[in-house]
Amino acid sequence: MSMDEIFKALADSHRRQLLDRLREDNGLTLSQLVAPLAMSRQAVTKHLTILEAANLITTIFRGREKLHYLNPVPLHEVARRWIKPFESARLESLHQLKTKLES
């Protein structure tokens, strides 16, 4: 899995919508994922294939049902690499301001 695959998968609003659905209710079948969306089963299947290739979802078979689960690990890696460094600088600035105001 590469960061390029993750960002490519996250670039599409439909795929983000599918991830949001799984975040709200993890372990859904294809039928359950398709039901509230204005997309065909084939379109959702294509999006799920991309999400699975990026390791953002994983699937488990339970009998004849294929359940889709959100895999938060790649999202955590994106946050750690791309968001946390900016957060640290901001928190350090707030700490310095607090120290200055208290002295």
C-alpha atoms as a PDB file:
ATOM      1  CA  MET A   1       0.000   0.000   0.000  1.00  0.00           C
ATOM      2  CA  SER A   2       1.362   3.403  -0.932  1.00  0.00           C
ATOM      3  CA  MET A   3       0.334   6.874   0.114  1.00  0.00           C
ATOM      4  CA  ASP A   4      -0.487   7.530  -3.554  1.00  0.00           C
ATOM      5  CA  GLU A   5      -3.122   4.778  -3.498  1.00  0.00           C
ATOM      6  CA  ILE A   6      -4.602   6.134  -0.283  1.00  0.00           C
ATOM      7  CA  PHE A   7      -4.823   9.690  -1.582  1.00  0.00           C
ATOM      8  CA  LYS A   8      -6.221   8.479  -4.917  1.00  0.00           C
ATOM      9  CA  ALA A   9      -8.901   6.534  -3.085  1.00  0.00           C
ATOM     10  CA  LEU A  10      -9.734   9.492  -0.827  1.00  0.00           C
ATOM     11  CA  ALA A  11      -9.872  11.919  -3.771  1.00  0.00           C
ATOM     12  CA  ASP A  12     -13.315  10.752  -4.834  1.00  0.00           C
ATOM     13  CA  SER A  13     -16.347  11.994  -2.886  1.00  0.00           C
ATOM     14  CA  HIS A  14     -18.276   8.753  -3.472  1.00  0.00           C
ATOM     15  CA  ARG A  15     -15.490   6.711  -1.902  1.00  0.00           C
ATOM     16  CA  ARG A  16     -15.340   9.093   1.060  1.00  0.00           C
ATOM     17  CA  GLN A  17     -19.101   8.670   1.384  1.00  0.00           C
ATOM     18  CA  LEU A  18     -18.677   4.883   1.492  1.00  0.00           C
ATOM     19  CA  LEU A  19     -15.991   5.241   4.168  1.00  0.00           C
ATOM     20  CA  ASP A  20     -18.325   7.494   6.154  1.00  0.00           C
ATOM     21  CA  ARG A  21     -21.064   4.849   5.952  1.00  0.00           C
ATOM     22  CA  LEU A  22     -18.664   2.205   7.241  1.00  0.00           C
ATOM     23  CA  ARG A  23     -17.485   4.541  10.010  1.00  0.00           C
ATOM     24  CA  GLU A  24     -21.105   4.946  11.115  1.00  0.00           C
ATOM     25  CA  ASP A  25     -22.050   1.274  10.737  1.00  0.00           C
ATOM     26  CA  ASN A  26     -19.121  -1.075  10.177  1.00  0.00           C
ATOM     27  CA  GLY A  27     -19.538  -4.514   8.603  1.00  0.00           C
ATOM     28  CA  LEU A  28     -22.058  -3.773   5.855  1.00  0.00           C
ATOM     29  CA  THR A  29     -22.921  -5.887   2.836  1.00  0.00           C
ATOM     30  CA  LEU A  30     -22.880  -4.473  -0.682  1.00  0.00           C
ATOM     31  CA  SER A  31     -26.686  -4.245  -0.643  1.00  0.00           C
ATOM     32  CA  GLN A  32     -26.617  -2.295   2.615  1.00  0.00           C
ATOM     33  CA  LEU A  33     -23.976   0.080   1.230  1.00  0.00           C
ATOM     34  CA  VAL A  34     -25.882   0.655  -2.023  1.00  0.00           C
ATOM     35  CA  ALA A  35     -29.350   1.162  -0.477  1.00  0.00           C
ATOM     36  CA  PRO A  36     -29.115   4.861   0.535  1.00  0.00           C
ATOM     37  CA  LEU A  37     -26.911   5.903  -2.404  1.00  0.00           C
ATOM     38  CA  ALA A  38     -27.846   7.139  -5.843  1.00  0.00           C
ATOM     39  CA  MET A  39     -25.345   4.733  -7.434  1.00  0.00           C
ATOM     40  CA  SER A  40     -25.590   1.363  -9.106  1.00  0.00           C
ATOM     41  CA  ARG A  41     -24.240  -1.786  -7.496  1.00  0.00           C
ATOM     42  CA  GLN A  42     -21.572  -1.905 -10.216  1.00  0.00           C
ATOM     43  CA  ALA A  43     -20.393   1.636  -9.436  1.00  0.00           C
ATOM     44  CA  VAL A  44     -20.227   0.923  -5.703  1.00  0.00           C
ATOM     45  CA  THR A  45     -18.337  -2.320  -6.402  1.00  0.00           C
ATOM     46  CA  LYS A  46     -15.742  -0.411  -8.449  1.00  0.00           C
ATOM     47  CA  HIS A  47     -15.298   2.130  -5.641  1.00  0.00           C
ATOM     48  CA  LEU A  48     -14.984  -0.651  -3.055  1.00  0.00           C
ATOM     49  CA  THR A  49     -12.295  -2.330  -5.180  1.00  0.00           C
ATOM     50  CA  ILE A  50     -10.240   0.884  -5.138  1.00  0.00           C
ATOM     51  CA  LEU A  51     -10.753   1.305  -1.388  1.00  0.00           C
ATOM     52  CA  GLU A  52      -9.700  -2.295  -0.790  1.00  0.00           C
ATOM     53  CA  ALA A  53      -6.582  -1.877  -2.981  1.00  0.00           C
ATOM     54  CA  ALA A  54      -5.636   1.142  -0.850  1.00  0.00           C
ATOM     55  CA  ASN A  55      -6.189  -1.014   2.266  1.00  0.00           C
ATOM     56  CA  LEU A  56      -8.837   1.430   3.511  1.00  0.00           C
ATOM     57  CA  ILE A  57     -11.392  -1.356   3.797  1.00  0.00           C
ATOM     58  CA  THR A  58     -11.200  -5.060   4.393  1.00  0.00           C
ATOM     59  CA  THR A  59     -13.760  -7.740   3.662  1.00  0.00           C
ATOM     60  CA  ILE A  60     -14.775 -10.871   5.483  1.00  0.00           C
ATOM     61  CA  PHE A  61     -17.101 -13.572   4.234  1.00  0.00           C
ATOM     62  CA  ARG A  62     -19.785 -14.719   6.645  1.00  0.00           C
ATOM     63  CA  GLY A  63     -21.539 -17.537   4.902  1.00  0.00           C
ATOM     64  CA  ARG A  64     -22.705 -16.157   1.562  1.00  0.00           C
ATOM     65  CA  GLU A  65     -22.444 -12.546   2.740  1.00  0.00           C
ATOM     66  CA  LYS A  66     -19.399 -10.411   2.087  1.00  0.00           C
ATOM     67  CA  LEU A  67     -19.032  -7.853   4.863  1.00  0.00           C
ATOM     68  CA  HIS A  68     -17.057  -4.637   4.375  1.00  0.00           C
ATOM     69  CA  TYR A  69     -15.135  -3.101   7.272  1.00  0.00           C
ATOM     70  CA  LEU A  70     -13.298   0.194   7.595  1.00  0.00           C
ATOM     71  CA  ASN A  71      -9.554  -0.166   8.167  1.00  0.00           C
ATOM     72  CA  PRO A  72      -8.489   2.996  10.040  1.00  0.00           C
ATOM     73  CA  VAL A  73      -4.744   2.223  10.012  1.00  0.00           C
ATOM     74  CA  PRO A  74      -3.930   3.925   6.665  1.00  0.00           C
ATOM     75  CA  LEU A  75      -5.963   6.977   7.720  1.00  0.00           C
ATOM     76  CA  HIS A  76      -3.994   7.118  10.962  1.00  0.00           C
ATOM     77  CA  GLU A  77      -0.746   6.990   8.975  1.00  0.00           C
ATOM     78  CA  VAL A  78      -1.928   9.882   6.784  1.00  0.00           C
ATOM     79  CA  ALA A  79      -2.867  11.883   9.874  1.00  0.00           C
ATOM     80  CA  ARG A  80       0.457  11.117  11.562  1.00  0.00           C
ATOM     81  CA  ARG A  81       2.494  12.090   8.504  1.00  0.00           C
ATOM     82  CA  TRP A  82       0.527  15.025   7.103  1.00  0.00           C
ATOM     83  CA  ILE A  83      -1.546  16.526   9.912  1.00  0.00           C
ATOM     84  CA  LYS A  84       0.228  15.918  13.214  1.00  0.00           C
ATOM     85  CA  PRO A  85       3.381  17.931  12.344  1.00  0.00           C
ATOM     86  CA  PHE A  86       1.220  21.002  11.771  1.00  0.00           C
ATOM     87  CA  GLU A  87      -0.669  20.327  14.974  1.00  0.00           C
ATOM     88  CA  SER A  88       2.561  20.173  16.979  1.00  0.00           C
ATOM     89  CA  ALA A  89       3.699  23.602  15.787  1.00  0.00           C
ATOM     90  CA  ARG A  90       0.339  25.120  16.660  1.00  0.00           C
ATOM     91  CA  LEU A  91       0.325  23.530  20.108  1.00  0.00           C
ATOM     92  CA  GLU A  92       3.854  24.770  20.759  1.00  0.00           C
ATOM     93  CA  SER A  93       2.760  28.307  19.797  1.00  0.00           C
ATOM     94  CA  LEU A  94      -0.184  28.089  22.194  1.00  0.00           C
ATOM     95  CA  HIS A  95       2.099  26.837  24.960  1.00  0.00           C
ATOM     96  CA  GLN A  96       4.495  29.735  24.408  1.00  0.00           C
ATOM     97  CA  LEU A  97       1.600  32.214  24.447  1.00  0.00           C
ATOM     98  CA  LYS A  98       0.251  30.689  27.675  1.00  0.00           C
ATOM     99  CA  THR A  99       3.704  30.867  29.279  1.00  0.00           C
ATOM    100  CA  LYS A 100       4.109  34.487  28.222  1.00  0.00           C
ATOM    101  CA  LEU A 101       0.667  35.461  29.513  1.00  0.00           C
ATOM    102  CA  GLU A 102       1.263  33.753  32.853  1.00  0.00           C
ATOM    103  CA  SER A 103       4.588  35.510  33.456  1.00  0.00           C
END
